[in-house]
């Protein structure tokens, strides 16, 4: 598996990074799946954040800034 391209603008363009640490991002993978780089908030929300939403042991809930998703939406819809 490998990353093919970024969806949306770079974290620097969106003002979502200091350039020193990690940066929230959304990437397309070579199998067509989507990868998300964000802050792990699984422990804060728990394994069942909503009545009908569950996080399996091999999954994580990550937080990304709203503007990251909004700017990626166009690229996702055009794919």
PDB file of N, CA and C in Angstrom:
ATOM      1  N   UNK A   1       0.838  -1.170   0.000  1.00  0.00           N
ATOM      2  CA  UNK A   1       0.000   0.000   0.000  1.00  0.00           C
ATOM      3  C   UNK A   1       0.887   1.239   0.000  1.00  0.00           C
ATOM      4  N   UNK A   2       0.454   2.257  -0.770  1.00  0.00           N
ATOM      5  CA  UNK A   2       1.207   3.506  -0.776  1.00  0.00           C
ATOM      6  C   UNK A   2       0.264   4.681  -1.018  1.00  0.00           C
ATOM      7  N   UNK A   3       0.700   5.851  -0.610  1.00  0.00           N
ATOM      8  CA  UNK A   3      -0.056   7.072  -0.845  1.00  0.00           C
ATOM      9  C   UNK A   3       0.133   7.508  -2.289  1.00  0.00           C
ATOM     10  N   UNK A   4      -0.949   7.907  -2.944  1.00  0.00           N
ATOM     11  CA  UNK A   4      -0.914   8.328  -4.340  1.00  0.00           C
ATOM     12  C   UNK A   4      -0.918   9.854  -4.449  1.00  0.00           C
ATOM     13  N   UNK A   5      -1.819  10.492  -3.670  1.00  0.00           N
ATOM     14  CA  UNK A   5      -1.918  11.951  -3.746  1.00  0.00           C
ATOM     15  C   UNK A   5      -2.630  12.510  -2.523  1.00  0.00           C
ATOM     16  N   UNK A   6      -2.433  13.767  -2.316  1.00  0.00           N
ATOM     17  CA  UNK A   6      -3.133  14.491  -1.270  1.00  0.00           C
ATOM     18  C   UNK A   6      -4.497  14.905  -1.811  1.00  0.00           C
ATOM     19  N   UNK A   7      -5.492  14.890  -0.954  1.00  0.00           N
ATOM     20  CA  UNK A   7      -6.811  15.398  -1.302  1.00  0.00           C
ATOM     21  C   UNK A   7      -6.971  16.741  -0.608  1.00  0.00           C
ATOM     22  N   UNK A   8      -7.181  17.779  -1.383  1.00  0.00           N
ATOM     23  CA  UNK A   8      -7.316  19.113  -0.810  1.00  0.00           C
ATOM     24  C   UNK A   8      -5.984  19.843  -0.781  1.00  0.00           C
ATOM     25  N   UNK A   9      -5.942  20.898   0.011  1.00  0.00           N
ATOM     26  CA  UNK A   9      -4.752  21.736   0.117  1.00  0.00           C
ATOM     27  C   UNK A   9      -3.779  21.182   1.140  1.00  0.00           C
ATOM     28  N   UNK A  10      -2.544  21.648   1.082  1.00  0.00           N
ATOM     29  CA  UNK A  10      -1.540  21.207   2.053  1.00  0.00           C
ATOM     30  C   UNK A  10      -1.874  21.783   3.430  1.00  0.00           C
ATOM     31  N   UNK A  11      -1.430  21.125   4.494  1.00  0.00           N
ATOM     32  CA  UNK A  11      -1.648  21.665   5.833  1.00  0.00           C
ATOM     33  C   UNK A  11      -1.077  23.083   5.986  1.00  0.00           C
ATOM     34  N   UNK A  12       0.045  23.364   5.336  1.00  0.00           N
ATOM     35  CA  UNK A  12       0.640  24.703   5.408  1.00  0.00           C
ATOM     36  C   UNK A  12      -0.271  25.747   4.770  1.00  0.00           C
ATOM     37  N   UNK A  13      -0.861  25.411   3.616  1.00  0.00           N
ATOM     38  CA  UNK A  13      -1.772  26.339   2.942  1.00  0.00           C
ATOM     39  C   UNK A  13      -2.995  26.653   3.803  1.00  0.00           C
ATOM     40  N   UNK A  14      -3.421  25.676   4.588  1.00  0.00           N
ATOM     41  CA  UNK A  14      -4.612  25.845   5.420  1.00  0.00           C
ATOM     42  C   UNK A  14      -4.295  26.434   6.791  1.00  0.00           C
ATOM     43  N   UNK A  15      -3.008  26.583   7.094  1.00  0.00           N
ATOM     44  CA  UNK A  15      -2.631  27.098   8.402  1.00  0.00           C
ATOM     45  C   UNK A  15      -2.799  26.091   9.524  1.00  0.00           C
ATOM     46  N   UNK A  16      -2.736  24.792   9.184  1.00  0.00           N
ATOM     47  CA  UNK A  16      -2.957  23.727  10.156  1.00  0.00           C
ATOM     48  C   UNK A  16      -1.678  23.052  10.638  1.00  0.00           C
ATOM     49  N   UNK A  17      -0.542  23.689  10.442  1.00  0.00           N
ATOM     50  CA  UNK A  17       0.708  23.085  10.878  1.00  0.00           C
ATOM     51  C   UNK A  17       1.712  24.164  11.257  1.00  0.00           C
ATOM     52  N   UNK A  18       2.604  23.788  12.144  1.00  0.00           N
ATOM     53  CA  UNK A  18       3.697  24.696  12.496  1.00  0.00           C
ATOM     54  C   UNK A  18       4.925  24.375  11.673  1.00  0.00           C
ATOM     55  N   UNK A  19       4.894  23.258  10.942  1.00  0.00           N
ATOM     56  CA  UNK A  19       6.044  22.829  10.163  1.00  0.00           C
ATOM     57  C   UNK A  19       7.066  22.071  10.998  1.00  0.00           C
ATOM     58  N   UNK A  20       6.781  21.929  12.295  1.00  0.00           N
ATOM     59  CA  UNK A  20       7.713  21.261  13.202  1.00  0.00           C
ATOM     60  C   UNK A  20       7.228  19.862  13.554  1.00  0.00           C
ATOM     61  N   UNK A  21       5.930  19.722  13.746  1.00  0.00           N
ATOM     62  CA  UNK A  21       5.373  18.428  14.138  1.00  0.00           C
ATOM     63  C   UNK A  21       4.484  17.890  13.020  1.00  0.00           C
ATOM     64  N   UNK A  22       3.668  16.919  13.342  1.00  0.00           N
ATOM     65  CA  UNK A  22       2.772  16.332  12.356  1.00  0.00           C
ATOM     66  C   UNK A  22       1.765  17.331  11.836  1.00  0.00           C
ATOM     67  N   UNK A  23       1.100  16.943  10.774  1.00  0.00           N
ATOM     68  CA  UNK A  23       0.127  17.820  10.138  1.00  0.00           C
ATOM     69  C   UNK A  23      -1.100  17.024   9.730  1.00  0.00           C
ATOM     70  N   UNK A  24      -2.313  17.530  10.008  1.00  0.00           N
ATOM     71  CA  UNK A  24      -3.510  16.817   9.580  1.00  0.00           C
ATOM     72  C   UNK A  24      -3.591  16.802   8.059  1.00  0.00           C
ATOM     73  N   UNK A  25      -3.985  15.666   7.515  1.00  0.00           N
ATOM     74  CA  UNK A  25      -4.012  15.537   6.058  1.00  0.00           C
ATOM     75  C   UNK A  25      -4.963  14.421   5.661  1.00  0.00           C
ATOM     76  N   UNK A  26      -5.400  14.464   4.407  1.00  0.00           N
ATOM     77  CA  UNK A  26      -6.226  13.410   3.827  1.00  0.00           C
ATOM     78  C   UNK A  26      -5.533  12.984   2.542  1.00  0.00           C
ATOM     79  N   UNK A  27      -5.288  11.678   2.407  1.00  0.00           N
ATOM     80  CA  UNK A  27      -4.549  11.166   1.256  1.00  0.00           C
ATOM     81  C   UNK A  27      -5.307  10.014   0.595  1.00  0.00           C
ATOM     82  N   UNK A  28      -5.136   9.911  -0.698  1.00  0.00           N
ATOM     83  CA  UNK A  28      -5.700   8.787  -1.439  1.00  0.00           C
ATOM     84  C   UNK A  28      -4.641   7.701  -1.517  1.00  0.00           C
ATOM     85  N   UNK A  29      -5.069   6.459  -1.308  1.00  0.00           N
ATOM     86  CA  UNK A  29      -4.159   5.312  -1.361  1.00  0.00           C
ATOM     87  C   UNK A  29      -4.273   4.621  -2.712  1.00  0.00           C
ATOM     88  N   UNK A  30      -3.278   3.831  -3.056  1.00  0.00           N
ATOM     89  CA  UNK A  30      -3.236   3.215  -4.383  1.00  0.00           C
ATOM     90  C   UNK A  30      -4.362   2.223  -4.650  1.00  0.00           C
ATOM     91  N   UNK A  31      -5.078   1.795  -3.615  1.00  0.00           N
ATOM     92  CA  UNK A  31      -6.224   0.906  -3.832  1.00  0.00           C
ATOM     93  C   UNK A  31      -7.545   1.681  -3.889  1.00  0.00           C
ATOM     94  N   UNK A  32      -7.453   3.027  -3.884  1.00  0.00           N
ATOM     95  CA  UNK A  32      -8.643   3.863  -3.935  1.00  0.00           C
ATOM     96  C   UNK A  32      -9.196   4.245  -2.575  1.00  0.00           C
ATOM     97  N   UNK A  33      -8.666   3.640  -1.518  1.00  0.00           N
ATOM     98  CA  UNK A  33      -9.094   3.978  -0.163  1.00  0.00           C
ATOM     99  C   UNK A  33      -8.545   5.338   0.241  1.00  0.00           C
ATOM    100  N   UNK A  34      -9.033   5.846   1.341  1.00  0.00           N
ATOM    101  CA  UNK A  34      -8.619   7.145   1.856  1.00  0.00           C
ATOM    102  C   UNK A  34      -7.909   6.950   3.188  1.00  0.00           C
ATOM    103  N   UNK A  35      -6.791   7.632   3.362  1.00  0.00           N
ATOM    104  CA  UNK A  35      -6.071   7.641   4.632  1.00  0.00           C
ATOM    105  C   UNK A  35      -6.201   9.025   5.262  1.00  0.00           C
ATOM    106  N   UNK A  36      -6.330   9.057   6.580  1.00  0.00           N
ATOM    107  CA  UNK A  36      -6.464  10.318   7.290  1.00  0.00           C
ATOM    108  C   UNK A  36      -5.365  10.420   8.340  1.00  0.00           C
ATOM    109  N   UNK A  37      -4.650  11.538   8.331  1.00  0.00           N
ATOM    110  CA  UNK A  37      -3.642  11.831   9.350  1.00  0.00           C
ATOM    111  C   UNK A  37      -4.263  12.855  10.288  1.00  0.00           C
ATOM    112  N   UNK A  38      -4.389  12.494  11.536  1.00  0.00           N
ATOM    113  CA  UNK A  38      -4.992  13.392  12.506  1.00  0.00           C
ATOM    114  C   UNK A  38      -4.588  13.017  13.918  1.00  0.00           C
ATOM    115  N   UNK A  39      -5.119  13.741  14.860  1.00  0.00           N
ATOM    116  CA  UNK A  39      -4.839  13.496  16.270  1.00  0.00           C
ATOM    117  C   UNK A  39      -5.723  12.366  16.779  1.00  0.00           C
ATOM    118  N   UNK A  40      -5.119  11.362  17.403  1.00  0.00           N
ATOM    119  CA  UNK A  40      -5.853  10.225  17.939  1.00  0.00           C
ATOM    120  C   UNK A  40      -6.691  10.677  19.140  1.00  0.00           C
ATOM    121  N   UNK A  41      -8.016  10.587  19.018  1.00  0.00           N
ATOM    122  CA  UNK A  41      -8.911  10.971  20.111  1.00  0.00           C
ATOM    123  C   UNK A  41      -9.756   9.782  20.581  1.00  0.00           C
ATOM    124  N   UNK A  42      -9.312   8.571  20.255  1.00  0.00           N
ATOM    125  CA  UNK A  42     -10.057   7.365  20.609  1.00  0.00           C
ATOM    126  C   UNK A  42     -10.280   7.270  22.114  1.00  0.00           C
ATOM    127  N   UNK A  43      -9.254   7.510  22.899  1.00  0.00           N
ATOM    128  CA  UNK A  43      -9.395   7.401  24.352  1.00  0.00           C
ATOM    129  C   UNK A  43     -10.367   8.437  24.908  1.00  0.00           C
ATOM    130  N   UNK A  44     -10.391   9.616  24.301  1.00  0.00           N
ATOM    131  CA  UNK A  44     -11.290  10.675  24.768  1.00  0.00           C
ATOM    132  C   UNK A  44     -12.755  10.369  24.470  1.00  0.00           C
ATOM    133  N   UNK A  45     -13.025   9.808  23.278  1.00  0.00           N
ATOM    134  CA  UNK A  45     -14.407   9.532  22.884  1.00  0.00           C
ATOM    135  C   UNK A  45     -14.884   8.147  23.294  1.00  0.00           C
ATOM    136  N   UNK A  46     -13.956   7.239  23.495  1.00  0.00           N
ATOM    137  CA  UNK A  46     -14.327   5.860  23.817  1.00  0.00           C
ATOM    138  C   UNK A  46     -14.540   5.043  22.553  1.00  0.00           C
ATOM    139  N   UNK A  47     -14.695   3.754  22.745  1.00  0.00           N
ATOM    140  CA  UNK A  47     -14.820   2.823  21.608  1.00  0.00           C
ATOM    141  C   UNK A  47     -16.207   2.829  20.975  1.00  0.00           C
ATOM    142  N   UNK A  48     -17.169   3.483  21.620  1.00  0.00           N
ATOM    143  CA  UNK A  48     -18.510   3.591  21.042  1.00  0.00           C
ATOM    144  C   UNK A  48     -18.986   5.041  21.223  1.00  0.00           C
ATOM    145  N   UNK A  49     -18.510   5.933  20.346  1.00  0.00           N
ATOM    146  CA  UNK A  49     -18.824   7.352  20.502  1.00  0.00           C
ATOM    147  C   UNK A  49     -20.298   7.691  20.252  1.00  0.00           C
ATOM    148  N   UNK A  50     -20.962   6.905  19.461  1.00  0.00           N
ATOM    149  CA  UNK A  50     -22.396   7.050  19.200  1.00  0.00           C
ATOM    150  C   UNK A  50     -23.050   5.686  19.364  1.00  0.00           C
ATOM    151  N   UNK A  51     -24.341   5.689  19.572  1.00  0.00           N
ATOM    152  CA  UNK A  51     -25.054   4.426  19.798  1.00  0.00           C
ATOM    153  C   UNK A  51     -24.813   3.430  18.671  1.00  0.00           C
ATOM    154  N   UNK A  52     -24.739   3.922  17.426  1.00  0.00           N
ATOM    155  CA  UNK A  52     -24.576   3.018  16.283  1.00  0.00           C
ATOM    156  C   UNK A  52     -23.211   3.166  15.602  1.00  0.00           C
ATOM    157  N   UNK A  53     -22.225   3.663  16.338  1.00  0.00           N
ATOM    158  CA  UNK A  53     -20.860   3.799  15.806  1.00  0.00           C
ATOM    159  C   UNK A  53     -19.886   3.170  16.793  1.00  0.00           C
ATOM    160  N   UNK A  54     -19.142   2.198  16.318  1.00  0.00           N
ATOM    161  CA  UNK A  54     -18.191   1.495  17.175  1.00  0.00           C
ATOM    162  C   UNK A  54     -16.805   1.501  16.547  1.00  0.00           C
ATOM    163  N   UNK A  55     -15.807   1.559  17.386  1.00  0.00           N
ATOM    164  CA  UNK A  55     -14.413   1.570  16.955  1.00  0.00           C
ATOM    165  C   UNK A  55     -13.786   0.235  17.356  1.00  0.00           C
ATOM    166  N   UNK A  56     -13.412  -0.569  16.369  1.00  0.00           N
ATOM    167  CA  UNK A  56     -12.818  -1.887  16.624  1.00  0.00           C
ATOM    168  C   UNK A  56     -11.424  -1.721  17.234  1.00  0.00           C
ATOM    169  N   UNK A  57     -10.908  -2.763  17.846  1.00  0.00           N
ATOM    170  CA  UNK A  57      -9.578  -2.688  18.465  1.00  0.00           C
ATOM    171  C   UNK A  57      -8.465  -2.268  17.500  1.00  0.00           C
ATOM    172  N   UNK A  58      -8.617  -2.574  16.221  1.00  0.00           N
ATOM    173  CA  UNK A  58      -7.575  -2.199  15.252  1.00  0.00           C
ATOM    174  C   UNK A  58      -7.879  -0.862  14.563  1.00  0.00           C
ATOM    175  N   UNK A  59      -8.853  -0.111  15.069  1.00  0.00           N
ATOM    176  CA  UNK A  59      -9.221   1.184  14.497  1.00  0.00           C
ATOM    177  C   UNK A  59      -8.940   2.308  15.494  1.00  0.00           C
ATOM    178  N   UNK A  60      -8.838   3.525  14.982  1.00  0.00           N
ATOM    179  CA  UNK A  60      -8.644   4.709  15.812  1.00  0.00           C
ATOM    180  C   UNK A  60      -9.579   5.803  15.296  1.00  0.00           C
ATOM    181  N   UNK A  61     -10.045   6.627  16.201  1.00  0.00           N
ATOM    182  CA  UNK A  61     -10.814   7.810  15.842  1.00  0.00           C
ATOM    183  C   UNK A  61      -9.821   8.969  15.832  1.00  0.00           C
ATOM    184  N   UNK A  62      -9.761   9.671  14.710  1.00  0.00           N
ATOM    185  CA  UNK A  62      -8.826  10.790  14.620  1.00  0.00           C
ATOM    186  C   UNK A  62      -9.584  12.085  14.363  1.00  0.00           C
ATOM    187  N   UNK A  63      -9.019  13.175  14.861  1.00  0.00           N
ATOM    188  CA  UNK A  63      -9.595  14.502  14.661  1.00  0.00           C
ATOM    189  C   UNK A  63      -8.771  15.242  13.618  1.00  0.00           C
ATOM    190  N   UNK A  64      -9.486  15.866  12.682  1.00  0.00           N
ATOM    191  CA  UNK A  64      -8.842  16.741  11.706  1.00  0.00           C
ATOM    192  C   UNK A  64      -9.599  18.065  11.721  1.00  0.00           C
ATOM    193  N   UNK A  65      -8.953  19.144  11.367  1.00  0.00           N
ATOM    194  CA  UNK A  65      -9.661  20.417  11.288  1.00  0.00           C
ATOM    195  C   UNK A  65     -10.744  20.370  10.213  1.00  0.00           C
ATOM    196  N   UNK A  66     -11.818  21.070  10.453  1.00  0.00           N
ATOM    197  CA  UNK A  66     -12.930  21.103   9.499  1.00  0.00           C
ATOM    198  C   UNK A  66     -12.463  21.566   8.119  1.00  0.00           C
ATOM    199  N   UNK A  67     -11.571  22.553   8.086  1.00  0.00           N
ATOM    200  CA  UNK A  67     -11.141  23.074   6.783  1.00  0.00           C
ATOM    201  C   UNK A  67     -10.370  22.028   5.976  1.00  0.00           C
ATOM    202  N   UNK A  68      -9.722  21.078   6.642  1.00  0.00           N
ATOM    203  CA  UNK A  68      -9.029  19.998   5.933  1.00  0.00           C
ATOM    204  C   UNK A  68     -10.031  19.164   5.142  1.00  0.00           C
ATOM    205  N   UNK A  69     -11.130  18.799   5.765  1.00  0.00           N
ATOM    206  CA  UNK A  69     -12.153  18.000   5.095  1.00  0.00           C
ATOM    207  C   UNK A  69     -12.864  18.801   4.010  1.00  0.00           C
ATOM    208  N   UNK A  70     -13.204  20.040   4.302  1.00  0.00           N
ATOM    209  CA  UNK A  70     -13.910  20.855   3.313  1.00  0.00           C
ATOM    210  C   UNK A  70     -13.091  21.046   2.040  1.00  0.00           C
ATOM    211  N   UNK A  71     -11.799  21.266   2.177  1.00  0.00           N
ATOM    212  CA  UNK A  71     -10.958  21.463   0.996  1.00  0.00           C
ATOM    213  C   UNK A  71     -10.663  20.157   0.264  1.00  0.00           C
ATOM    214  N   UNK A  72     -10.792  19.021   0.948  1.00  0.00           N
ATOM    215  CA  UNK A  72     -10.593  17.726   0.297  1.00  0.00           C
ATOM    216  C   UNK A  72     -11.850  17.255  -0.429  1.00  0.00           C
ATOM    217  N   UNK A  73     -12.996  17.749  -0.017  1.00  0.00           N
ATOM    218  CA  UNK A  73     -14.271  17.276  -0.574  1.00  0.00           C
ATOM    219  C   UNK A  73     -14.315  17.394  -2.098  1.00  0.00           C
ATOM    220  N   UNK A  74     -13.854  18.504  -2.639  1.00  0.00           N
ATOM    221  CA  UNK A  74     -13.867  18.700  -4.092  1.00  0.00           C
ATOM    222  C   UNK A  74     -13.055  17.613  -4.798  1.00  0.00           C
ATOM    223  N   UNK A  75     -11.865  17.320  -4.272  1.00  0.00           N
ATOM    224  CA  UNK A  75     -11.023  16.289  -4.886  1.00  0.00           C
ATOM    225  C   UNK A  75     -11.681  14.907  -4.787  1.00  0.00           C
ATOM    226  N   UNK A  76     -12.347  14.632  -3.687  1.00  0.00           N
ATOM    227  CA  UNK A  76     -13.017  13.339  -3.506  1.00  0.00           C
ATOM    228  C   UNK A  76     -14.161  13.214  -4.511  1.00  0.00           C
ATOM    229  N   UNK A  77     -14.947  14.265  -4.659  1.00  0.00           N
ATOM    230  CA  UNK A  77     -16.101  14.222  -5.570  1.00  0.00           C
ATOM    231  C   UNK A  77     -15.694  14.136  -7.031  1.00  0.00           C
ATOM    232  N   UNK A  78     -14.526  14.675  -7.370  1.00  0.00           N
ATOM    233  CA  UNK A  78     -14.055  14.641  -8.756  1.00  0.00           C
ATOM    234  C   UNK A  78     -13.391  13.322  -9.111  1.00  0.00           C
ATOM    235  N   UNK A  79     -13.103  12.513  -8.128  1.00  0.00           N
ATOM    236  CA  UNK A  79     -12.407  11.244  -8.384  1.00  0.00           C
ATOM    237  C   UNK A  79     -13.299  10.231  -9.060  1.00  0.00           C
TER     238      UNK A  79
END
